[in-house]
Each structure stands twice: as C-alpha cells, then as structure tokens.
Amino acid sequence: MIAGSPKTSQCQIGYNLHTLRTRDFSGITMISRSPSKNRLVVGRDNGSIRLYSCPVQSITAGFHALTGHTHAISAVTFVGSDLITAAVADGSLFQWQL
C-alpha cells in the first residue's frame, strides 16, 4: 500500500520507469513519496525505516536508516517536506525531523 493519493500511469512497453529497486521486496509495509518528489520513505516489518533520494536508479543505492522502532511500521508519510511521521504496530507514533 502506498500512502497518499493513488496515482496511475499509462505507458508503452519498454518505457524506462524510475523505481525503487532492491534485491528483496519482502518486509516492505509502507512507501511514501515527499511532496517535492525527491525522497522516498520506506517502512518495513522489522521496524526499520529507510529514506532514499529520488529517483533511485541502482540496486545498490544508499539510504539513510531511521532506527528506534521495535515493531512493524504500519504507516509512514511525509508532513511537509522535512518531517516524517511513522505509526508502529504496537500503537506508538514517531516523528522524524529531516
């Protein structure tokens, strides 16, 4: 599930899309894109949050890890361009100033 308004795209086969590429999609619970569209935040089932710069064009793209959660991330979103709010499965709420 992607936080925010659903977006659709129609493209021809072979169109080069900018995507979040990774070797392992397991464990991803939420993805949100910043209002400026230059960052992605990814919540995972192990309680980790990853912040990527956009567009992500490499499997080995670096990310900034936000730690401190002990349960799965159940929701994550940007509040403006420099604040991330994350809801955790245990009912806690975290905010991260970027």
PDB file of N, CA and C in Angstrom:
ATOM      1  N   MET A   1       0.848  -1.168   0.000  1.00  0.00           N
ATOM      2  CA  MET A   1       0.000   0.000   0.000  1.00  0.00           C
ATOM      3  C   MET A   1       0.894   1.231   0.000  1.00  0.00           C
ATOM      4  N   ILE A   2       0.555   2.202  -0.818  1.00  0.00           N
ATOM      5  CA  ILE A   2       1.322   3.435  -0.909  1.00  0.00           C
ATOM      6  C   ILE A   2       0.514   4.547  -0.257  1.00  0.00           C
ATOM      7  N   ALA A   3       1.146   5.264   0.652  1.00  0.00           N
ATOM      8  CA  ALA A   3       0.463   6.350   1.355  1.00  0.00           C
ATOM      9  C   ALA A   3       0.182   7.499   0.400  1.00  0.00           C
ATOM     10  N   GLY A   4      -0.891   8.205   0.634  1.00  0.00           N
ATOM     11  CA  GLY A   4      -1.232   9.352  -0.185  1.00  0.00           C
ATOM     12  C   GLY A   4      -2.229   9.000  -1.264  1.00  0.00           C
ATOM     13  N   SER A   5      -2.449   9.935  -2.174  1.00  0.00           N
ATOM     14  CA  SER A   5      -3.415   9.729  -3.245  1.00  0.00           C
ATOM     15  C   SER A   5      -2.914   8.693  -4.230  1.00  0.00           C
ATOM     16  N   PRO A   6      -3.805   7.793  -4.684  1.00  0.00           N
ATOM     17  CA  PRO A   6      -3.376   6.821  -5.684  1.00  0.00           C
ATOM     18  C   PRO A   6      -3.067   7.525  -6.998  1.00  0.00           C
ATOM     19  N   LYS A   7      -2.049   7.102  -7.659  1.00  0.00           N
ATOM     20  CA  LYS A   7      -1.661   7.655  -8.947  1.00  0.00           C
ATOM     21  C   LYS A   7      -1.638   6.516  -9.963  1.00  0.00           C
ATOM     22  N   THR A   8      -1.990   6.821 -11.182  1.00  0.00           N
ATOM     23  CA  THR A   8      -1.927   5.820 -12.234  1.00  0.00           C
ATOM     24  C   THR A   8      -1.012   6.324 -13.325  1.00  0.00           C
ATOM     25  N   SER A   9      -0.525   5.404 -14.115  1.00  0.00           N
ATOM     26  CA  SER A   9       0.362   5.748 -15.204  1.00  0.00           C
ATOM     27  C   SER A   9       0.071   4.841 -16.380  1.00  0.00           C
ATOM     28  N   GLN A  10      -0.009   5.421 -17.546  1.00  0.00           N
ATOM     29  CA  GLN A  10      -0.157   4.633 -18.754  1.00  0.00           C
ATOM     30  C   GLN A  10       1.103   4.845 -19.563  1.00  0.00           C
ATOM     31  N   CYS A  11       1.744   3.762 -19.957  1.00  0.00           N
ATOM     32  CA  CYS A  11       2.981   3.887 -20.708  1.00  0.00           C
ATOM     33  C   CYS A  11       3.111   2.713 -21.664  1.00  0.00           C
ATOM     34  N   GLN A  12       3.897   2.906 -22.693  1.00  0.00           N
ATOM     35  CA  GLN A  12       4.143   1.853 -23.658  1.00  0.00           C
ATOM     36  C   GLN A  12       5.131   0.864 -23.077  1.00  0.00           C
ATOM     37  N   ILE A  13       5.069  -0.363 -23.576  1.00  0.00           N
ATOM     38  CA  ILE A  13       6.029  -1.378 -23.151  1.00  0.00           C
ATOM     39  C   ILE A  13       7.431  -0.894 -23.491  1.00  0.00           C
ATOM     40  N   GLY A  14       8.340  -1.028 -22.523  1.00  0.00           N
ATOM     41  CA  GLY A  14       9.718  -0.623 -22.739  1.00  0.00           C
ATOM     42  C   GLY A  14      10.035   0.769 -22.219  1.00  0.00           C
ATOM     43  N   TYR A  15       9.040   1.503 -21.767  1.00  0.00           N
ATOM     44  CA  TYR A  15       9.263   2.821 -21.196  1.00  0.00           C
ATOM     45  C   TYR A  15      10.080   2.676 -19.922  1.00  0.00           C
ATOM     46  N   ASN A  16      11.118   3.456 -19.777  1.00  0.00           N
ATOM     47  CA  ASN A  16      12.017   3.362 -18.635  1.00  0.00           C
ATOM     48  C   ASN A  16      11.426   4.099 -17.437  1.00  0.00           C
ATOM     49  N   LEU A  17      10.923   3.360 -16.462  1.00  0.00           N
ATOM     50  CA  LEU A  17      10.350   3.952 -15.256  1.00  0.00           C
ATOM     51  C   LEU A  17      11.410   4.091 -14.178  1.00  0.00           C
ATOM     52  N   HIS A  18      11.319   5.132 -13.366  1.00  0.00           N
ATOM     53  CA  HIS A  18      12.193   5.289 -12.207  1.00  0.00           C
ATOM     54  C   HIS A  18      11.521   4.599 -11.036  1.00  0.00           C
ATOM     55  N   THR A  19      12.153   3.569 -10.514  1.00  0.00           N
ATOM     56  CA  THR A  19      11.537   2.767  -9.463  1.00  0.00           C
ATOM     57  C   THR A  19      12.497   2.550  -8.311  1.00  0.00           C
ATOM     58  N   LEU A  20      11.945   2.126  -7.207  1.00  0.00           N
ATOM     59  CA  LEU A  20      12.744   1.704  -6.064  1.00  0.00           C
ATOM     60  C   LEU A  20      13.173   0.280  -6.337  1.00  0.00           C
ATOM     61  N   ARG A  21      14.438   0.077  -6.650  1.00  0.00           N
ATOM     62  CA  ARG A  21      14.927  -1.247  -6.996  1.00  0.00           C
ATOM     63  C   ARG A  21      15.667  -1.833  -5.810  1.00  0.00           C
ATOM     64  N   THR A  22      15.375  -3.061  -5.531  1.00  0.00           N
ATOM     65  CA  THR A  22      16.032  -3.757  -4.440  1.00  0.00           C
ATOM     66  C   THR A  22      16.055  -5.233  -4.748  1.00  0.00           C
ATOM     67  N   ARG A  23      16.952  -5.945  -4.143  1.00  0.00           N
ATOM     68  CA  ARG A  23      17.018  -7.390  -4.348  1.00  0.00           C
ATOM     69  C   ARG A  23      15.910  -8.100  -3.594  1.00  0.00           C
ATOM     70  N   ASP A  24      15.388  -7.476  -2.562  1.00  0.00           N
ATOM     71  CA  ASP A  24      14.434  -8.145  -1.687  1.00  0.00           C
ATOM     72  C   ASP A  24      13.312  -7.187  -1.305  1.00  0.00           C
ATOM     73  N   PHE A  25      12.125  -7.401  -1.867  1.00  0.00           N
ATOM     74  CA  PHE A  25      10.974  -6.572  -1.524  1.00  0.00           C
ATOM     75  C   PHE A  25      10.245  -7.090  -0.297  1.00  0.00           C
ATOM     76  N   SER A  26      10.616  -8.266   0.192  1.00  0.00           N
ATOM     77  CA  SER A  26       9.923  -8.795   1.361  1.00  0.00           C
ATOM     78  C   SER A  26      10.164  -7.872   2.548  1.00  0.00           C
ATOM     79  N   GLY A  27       9.159  -7.723   3.353  1.00  0.00           N
ATOM     80  CA  GLY A  27       9.296  -6.906   4.547  1.00  0.00           C
ATOM     81  C   GLY A  27       8.860  -5.469   4.392  1.00  0.00           C
ATOM     82  N   ILE A  28       8.617  -4.991   3.169  1.00  0.00           N
ATOM     83  CA  ILE A  28       8.171  -3.613   2.979  1.00  0.00           C
ATOM     84  C   ILE A  28       6.697  -3.522   3.336  1.00  0.00           C
ATOM     85  N   THR A  29       6.362  -2.630   4.258  1.00  0.00           N
ATOM     86  CA  THR A  29       4.968  -2.472   4.683  1.00  0.00           C
ATOM     87  C   THR A  29       4.332  -1.194   4.152  1.00  0.00           C
ATOM     88  N   MET A  30       5.110  -0.135   3.970  1.00  0.00           N
ATOM     89  CA  MET A  30       4.579   1.148   3.505  1.00  0.00           C
ATOM     90  C   MET A  30       5.647   1.906   2.733  1.00  0.00           C
ATOM     91  N   ILE A  31       5.206   2.679   1.736  1.00  0.00           N
ATOM     92  CA  ILE A  31       6.091   3.572   0.990  1.00  0.00           C
ATOM     93  C   ILE A  31       5.371   4.903   0.832  1.00  0.00           C
ATOM     94  N   SER A  32       6.106   6.003   1.017  1.00  0.00           N
ATOM     95  CA  SER A  32       5.530   7.331   0.820  1.00  0.00           C
ATOM     96  C   SER A  32       6.555   8.202   0.103  1.00  0.00           C
ATOM     97  N   ARG A  33       6.077   9.075  -0.767  1.00  0.00           N
ATOM     98  CA  ARG A  33       6.944   9.981  -1.510  1.00  0.00           C
ATOM     99  C   ARG A  33       6.741  11.400  -0.988  1.00  0.00           C
ATOM    100  N   SER A  34       7.831  12.136  -0.892  1.00  0.00           N
ATOM    101  CA  SER A  34       7.765  13.506  -0.369  1.00  0.00           C
ATOM    102  C   SER A  34       6.986  14.413  -1.323  1.00  0.00           C
ATOM    103  N   PRO A  35       6.413  15.504  -0.794  1.00  0.00           N
ATOM    104  CA  PRO A  35       5.687  16.450  -1.656  1.00  0.00           C
ATOM    105  C   PRO A  35       6.569  17.015  -2.776  1.00  0.00           C
ATOM    106  N   SER A  36       7.864  17.166  -2.515  1.00  0.00           N
ATOM    107  CA  SER A  36       8.784  17.675  -3.534  1.00  0.00           C
ATOM    108  C   SER A  36       9.216  16.586  -4.510  1.00  0.00           C
ATOM    109  N   LYS A  37       8.823  15.342  -4.244  1.00  0.00           N
ATOM    110  CA  LYS A  37       9.076  14.171  -5.092  1.00  0.00           C
ATOM    111  C   LYS A  37      10.555  13.818  -5.217  1.00  0.00           C
ATOM    112  N   ASN A  38      11.380  14.289  -4.288  1.00  0.00           N
ATOM    113  CA  ASN A  38      12.805  13.974  -4.356  1.00  0.00           C
ATOM    114  C   ASN A  38      13.250  12.990  -3.274  1.00  0.00           C
ATOM    115  N   ARG A  39      12.297  12.467  -2.480  1.00  0.00           N
ATOM    116  CA  ARG A  39      12.627  11.484  -1.439  1.00  0.00           C
ATOM    117  C   ARG A  39      11.538  10.424  -1.350  1.00  0.00           C
ATOM    118  N   LEU A  40      11.961   9.215  -0.991  1.00  0.00           N
ATOM    119  CA  LEU A  40      11.045   8.121  -0.673  1.00  0.00           C
ATOM    120  C   LEU A  40      11.339   7.665   0.734  1.00  0.00           C
ATOM    121  N   VAL A  41      10.302   7.377   1.497  1.00  0.00           N
ATOM    122  CA  VAL A  41      10.486   6.787   2.816  1.00  0.00           C
ATOM    123  C   VAL A  41       9.800   5.424   2.781  1.00  0.00           C
ATOM    124  N   VAL A  42      10.510   4.408   3.278  1.00  0.00           N
ATOM    125  CA  VAL A  42      10.038   3.022   3.226  1.00  0.00           C
ATOM    126  C   VAL A  42       9.969   2.468   4.641  1.00  0.00           C
ATOM    127  N   GLY A  43       8.794   1.990   5.046  1.00  0.00           N
ATOM    128  CA  GLY A  43       8.624   1.323   6.333  1.00  0.00           C
ATOM    129  C   GLY A  43       8.712  -0.181   6.137  1.00  0.00           C
ATOM    130  N   ARG A  44       9.294  -0.878   7.111  1.00  0.00           N
ATOM    131  CA  ARG A  44       9.494  -2.322   6.973  1.00  0.00           C
ATOM    132  C   ARG A  44       8.902  -3.065   8.165  1.00  0.00           C
ATOM    133  N   ASP A  45       8.711  -4.366   7.978  1.00  0.00           N
ATOM    134  CA  ASP A  45       8.090  -5.176   9.030  1.00  0.00           C
ATOM    135  C   ASP A  45       9.006  -5.425  10.219  1.00  0.00           C
ATOM    136  N   ASN A  46      10.298  -5.144  10.083  1.00  0.00           N
ATOM    137  CA  ASN A  46      11.226  -5.325  11.203  1.00  0.00           C
ATOM    138  C   ASN A  46      11.379  -4.053  12.040  1.00  0.00           C
ATOM    139  N   GLY A  47      10.559  -3.035  11.746  1.00  0.00           N
ATOM    140  CA  GLY A  47      10.605  -1.789  12.496  1.00  0.00           C
ATOM    141  C   GLY A  47      11.558  -0.753  11.936  1.00  0.00           C
ATOM    142  N   SER A  48      12.236  -1.053  10.848  1.00  0.00           N
ATOM    143  CA  SER A  48      13.172  -0.086  10.286  1.00  0.00           C
ATOM    144  C   SER A  48      12.471   0.828   9.286  1.00  0.00           C
ATOM    145  N   ILE A  49      13.027   2.019   9.145  1.00  0.00           N
ATOM    146  CA  ILE A  49      12.570   2.991   8.158  1.00  0.00           C
ATOM    147  C   ILE A  49      13.788   3.387   7.343  1.00  0.00           C
ATOM    148  N   ARG A  50      13.615   3.410   6.030  1.00  0.00           N
ATOM    149  CA  ARG A  50      14.701   3.803   5.137  1.00  0.00           C
ATOM    150  C   ARG A  50      14.286   5.033   4.346  1.00  0.00           C
ATOM    151  N   LEU A  51      15.205   5.973   4.228  1.00  0.00           N
ATOM    152  CA  LEU A  51      14.972   7.199   3.478  1.00  0.00           C
ATOM    153  C   LEU A  51      15.888   7.188   2.259  1.00  0.00           C
ATOM    154  N   TYR A  52      15.289   7.238   1.068  1.00  0.00           N
ATOM    155  CA  TYR A  52      16.024   7.216  -0.194  1.00  0.00           C
ATOM    156  C   TYR A  52      15.871   8.551  -0.901  1.00  0.00           C
ATOM    157  N   SER A  53      16.898   8.940  -1.677  1.00  0.00           N
ATOM    158  CA  SER A  53      16.775  10.068  -2.595  1.00  0.00           C
ATOM    159  C   SER A  53      16.143   9.553  -3.878  1.00  0.00           C
ATOM    160  N   CYS A  54      15.363  10.387  -4.566  1.00  0.00           N
ATOM    161  CA  CYS A  54      14.703  10.001  -5.820  1.00  0.00           C
ATOM    162  C   CYS A  54      15.302  10.781  -6.980  1.00  0.00           C
ATOM    163  N   PRO A  55      15.359  10.187  -8.142  1.00  0.00           N
ATOM    164  CA  PRO A  55      14.963   8.814  -8.419  1.00  0.00           C
ATOM    165  C   PRO A  55      16.034   7.831  -7.979  1.00  0.00           C
ATOM    166  N   VAL A  56      15.596   6.660  -7.570  1.00  0.00           N
ATOM    167  CA  VAL A  56      16.505   5.572  -7.204  1.00  0.00           C
ATOM    168  C   VAL A  56      16.767   4.784  -8.475  1.00  0.00           C
ATOM    169  N   GLN A  57      18.023   4.700  -8.890  1.00  0.00           N
ATOM    170  CA  GLN A  57      18.323   4.059 -10.166  1.00  0.00           C
ATOM    171  C   GLN A  57      19.292   2.903 -10.044  1.00  0.00           C
ATOM    172  N   SER A  58      19.569   2.467  -8.840  1.00  0.00           N
ATOM    173  CA  SER A  58      20.546   1.402  -8.653  1.00  0.00           C
ATOM    174  C   SER A  58      20.101   0.461  -7.550  1.00  0.00           C
ATOM    175  N   ILE A  59      20.366  -0.828  -7.744  1.00  0.00           N
ATOM    176  CA  ILE A  59      20.071  -1.816  -6.713  1.00  0.00           C
ATOM    177  C   ILE A  59      20.906  -1.538  -5.473  1.00  0.00           C
ATOM    178  N   THR A  60      22.061  -0.946  -5.660  1.00  0.00           N
ATOM    179  CA  THR A  60      22.958  -0.677  -4.539  1.00  0.00           C
ATOM    180  C   THR A  60      22.822   0.760  -4.026  1.00  0.00           C
ATOM    181  N   ALA A  61      21.715   1.416  -4.355  1.00  0.00           N
ATOM    182  CA  ALA A  61      21.510   2.796  -3.910  1.00  0.00           C
ATOM    183  C   ALA A  61      21.560   2.881  -2.391  1.00  0.00           C
ATOM    184  N   GLY A  62      22.234   3.885  -1.909  1.00  0.00           N
ATOM    185  CA  GLY A  62      22.330   4.077  -0.469  1.00  0.00           C
ATOM    186  C   GLY A  62      21.039   4.637   0.107  1.00  0.00           C
ATOM    187  N   PHE A  63      20.892   4.501   1.392  1.00  0.00           N
ATOM    188  CA  PHE A  63      19.725   5.034   2.087  1.00  0.00           C
ATOM    189  C   PHE A  63      20.155   5.455   3.476  1.00  0.00           C
ATOM    190  N   HIS A  64      19.351   6.276   4.095  1.00  0.00           N
ATOM    191  CA  HIS A  64      19.582   6.693   5.476  1.00  0.00           C
ATOM    192  C   HIS A  64      18.591   5.931   6.341  1.00  0.00           C
ATOM    193  N   ALA A  65      19.079   5.216   7.343  1.00  0.00           N
ATOM    194  CA  ALA A  65      18.220   4.410   8.214  1.00  0.00           C
ATOM    195  C   ALA A  65      17.769   5.221   9.420  1.00  0.00           C
ATOM    196  N   LEU A  66      16.478   5.148   9.717  1.00  0.00           N
ATOM    197  CA  LEU A  66      15.904   5.752  10.919  1.00  0.00           C
ATOM    198  C   LEU A  66      15.556   4.605  11.849  1.00  0.00           C
ATOM    199  N   THR A  67      16.162   4.580  13.020  1.00  0.00           N
ATOM    200  CA  THR A  67      16.017   3.428  13.903  1.00  0.00           C
ATOM    201  C   THR A  67      15.327   3.806  15.207  1.00  0.00           C
ATOM    202  N   GLY A  68      14.999   2.796  15.979  1.00  0.00           N
ATOM    203  CA  GLY A  68      14.387   3.020  17.276  1.00  0.00           C
ATOM    204  C   GLY A  68      13.048   2.333  17.436  1.00  0.00           C
ATOM    205  N   HIS A  69      12.543   1.744  16.367  1.00  0.00           N
ATOM    206  CA  HIS A  69      11.256   1.063  16.407  1.00  0.00           C
ATOM    207  C   HIS A  69      11.478  -0.423  16.669  1.00  0.00           C
ATOM    208  N   THR A  70      10.611  -1.030  17.453  1.00  0.00           N
ATOM    209  CA  THR A  70      10.768  -2.452  17.778  1.00  0.00           C
ATOM    210  C   THR A  70       9.709  -3.326  17.131  1.00  0.00           C
ATOM    211  N   HIS A  71       8.712  -2.714  16.485  1.00  0.00           N
ATOM    212  CA  HIS A  71       7.646  -3.464  15.824  1.00  0.00           C
ATOM    213  C   HIS A  71       7.509  -2.977  14.380  1.00  0.00           C
ATOM    214  N   ALA A  72       6.711  -3.688  13.603  1.00  0.00           N
ATOM    215  CA  ALA A  72       6.497  -3.347  12.195  1.00  0.00           C
ATOM    216  C   ALA A  72       5.955  -1.926  12.042  1.00  0.00           C
ATOM    217  N   ILE A  73       6.374  -1.266  10.977  1.00  0.00           N
ATOM    218  CA  ILE A  73       5.859   0.054  10.635  1.00  0.00           C
ATOM    219  C   ILE A  73       4.523  -0.155   9.926  1.00  0.00           C
ATOM    220  N   SER A  74       3.452   0.390  10.488  1.00  0.00           N
ATOM    221  CA  SER A  74       2.130   0.184   9.894  1.00  0.00           C
ATOM    222  C   SER A  74       1.697   1.345   9.001  1.00  0.00           C
ATOM    223  N   ALA A  75       2.323   2.505   9.139  1.00  0.00           N
ATOM    224  CA  ALA A  75       2.042   3.658   8.278  1.00  0.00           C
ATOM    225  C   ALA A  75       3.224   4.606   8.342  1.00  0.00           C
ATOM    226  N   VAL A  76       3.500   5.254   7.232  1.00  0.00           N
ATOM    227  CA  VAL A  76       4.574   6.247   7.189  1.00  0.00           C
ATOM    228  C   VAL A  76       4.215   7.279   6.126  1.00  0.00           C
ATOM    229  N   THR A  77       4.431   8.557   6.440  1.00  0.00           N
ATOM    230  CA  THR A  77       4.108   9.607   5.483  1.00  0.00           C
ATOM    231  C   THR A  77       4.947  10.851   5.762  1.00  0.00           C
ATOM    232  N   PHE A  78       5.063  11.699   4.766  1.00  0.00           N
ATOM    233  CA  PHE A  78       5.714  12.992   4.930  1.00  0.00           C
ATOM    234  C   PHE A  78       4.683  14.001   5.411  1.00  0.00           C
ATOM    235  N   VAL A  79       5.088  14.860   6.340  1.00  0.00           N
ATOM    236  CA  VAL A  79       4.290  16.007   6.762  1.00  0.00           C
ATOM    237  C   VAL A  79       5.096  17.209   6.309  1.00  0.00           C
ATOM    238  N   GLY A  80       4.711  17.812   5.221  1.00  0.00           N
ATOM    239  CA  GLY A  80       5.540  18.830   4.600  1.00  0.00           C
ATOM    240  C   GLY A  80       6.739  18.161   3.946  1.00  0.00           C
ATOM    241  N   SER A  81       7.810  18.913   3.778  1.00  0.00           N
ATOM    242  CA  SER A  81       8.975  18.354   3.091  1.00  0.00           C
ATOM    243  C   SER A  81      10.068  17.878   4.031  1.00  0.00           C
ATOM    244  N   ASP A  82       9.965  18.192   5.327  1.00  0.00           N
ATOM    245  CA  ASP A  82      11.081  17.861   6.213  1.00  0.00           C
ATOM    246  C   ASP A  82      10.673  17.162   7.506  1.00  0.00           C
ATOM    247  N   LEU A  83       9.486  16.551   7.535  1.00  0.00           N
ATOM    248  CA  LEU A  83       9.037  15.823   8.717  1.00  0.00           C
ATOM    249  C   LEU A  83       8.390  14.514   8.275  1.00  0.00           C
ATOM    250  N   ILE A  84       8.829  13.403   8.880  1.00  0.00           N
ATOM    251  CA  ILE A  84       8.254  12.087   8.602  1.00  0.00           C
ATOM    252  C   ILE A  84       7.508  11.640   9.847  1.00  0.00           C
ATOM    253  N   THR A  85       6.293  11.152   9.660  1.00  0.00           N
ATOM    254  CA  THR A  85       5.518  10.579  10.755  1.00  0.00           C
ATOM    255  C   THR A  85       5.341   9.099  10.482  1.00  0.00           C
ATOM    256  N   ALA A  86       5.630   8.272  11.487  1.00  0.00           N
ATOM    257  CA  ALA A  86       5.521   6.818  11.346  1.00  0.00           C
ATOM    258  C   ALA A  86       4.667   6.260  12.469  1.00  0.00           C
ATOM    259  N   ALA A  87       3.724   5.401  12.100  1.00  0.00           N
ATOM    260  CA  ALA A  87       2.921   4.669  13.079  1.00  0.00           C
ATOM    261  C   ALA A  87       3.471   3.255  13.155  1.00  0.00           C
ATOM    262  N   VAL A  88       3.593   2.751  14.368  1.00  0.00           N
ATOM    263  CA  VAL A  88       4.178   1.433  14.594  1.00  0.00           C
ATOM    264  C   VAL A  88       3.072   0.495  15.064  1.00  0.00           C
ATOM    265  N   ALA A  89       3.207  -0.790  14.738  1.00  0.00           N
ATOM    266  CA  ALA A  89       2.175  -1.787  15.033  1.00  0.00           C
ATOM    267  C   ALA A  89       1.821  -1.867  16.515  1.00  0.00           C
ATOM    268  N   ASP A  90       2.722  -1.452  17.398  1.00  0.00           N
ATOM    269  CA  ASP A  90       2.418  -1.511  18.835  1.00  0.00           C
ATOM    270  C   ASP A  90       1.596  -0.310  19.310  1.00  0.00           C
ATOM    271  N   GLY A  91       1.211   0.580  18.389  1.00  0.00           N
ATOM    272  CA  GLY A  91       0.385   1.730  18.730  1.00  0.00           C
ATOM    273  C   GLY A  91       1.156   3.016  18.941  1.00  0.00           C
ATOM    274  N   SER A  92       2.483   2.983  18.915  1.00  0.00           N
ATOM    275  CA  SER A  92       3.264   4.203  19.120  1.00  0.00           C
ATOM    276  C   SER A  92       3.367   5.001  17.824  1.00  0.00           C
ATOM    277  N   LEU A  93       3.684   6.272  17.964  1.00  0.00           N
ATOM    278  CA  LEU A  93       3.812   7.190  16.852  1.00  0.00           C
ATOM    279  C   LEU A  93       5.150   7.901  16.980  1.00  0.00           C
ATOM    280  N   PHE A  94       5.909   7.937  15.898  1.00  0.00           N
ATOM    281  CA  PHE A  94       7.216   8.591  15.888  1.00  0.00           C
ATOM    282  C   PHE A  94       7.216   9.686  14.839  1.00  0.00           C
ATOM    283  N   GLN A  95       7.939  10.781  15.113  1.00  0.00           N
ATOM    284  CA  GLN A  95       8.156  11.815  14.122  1.00  0.00           C
ATOM    285  C   GLN A  95       9.645  12.061  14.003  1.00  0.00           C
ATOM    286  N   TRP A  96      10.093  12.205  12.766  1.00  0.00           N
ATOM    287  CA  TRP A  96      11.500  12.412  12.465  1.00  0.00           C
ATOM    288  C   TRP A  96      11.647  13.725  11.705  1.00  0.00           C
ATOM    289  N   GLN A  97      12.433  14.657  12.254  1.00  0.00           N
ATOM    290  CA  GLN A  97      12.757  15.908  11.573  1.00  0.00           C
ATOM    291  C   GLN A  97      13.956  15.640  10.676  1.00  0.00           C
ATOM    292  N   LEU A  98      13.844  15.962   9.397  1.00  0.00           N
ATOM    293  CA  LEU A  98      14.948  15.711   8.455  1.00  0.00           C
ATOM    294  C   LEU A  98      15.880  16.894   8.378  1.00  0.00           C
TER     295      LEU A  98
END
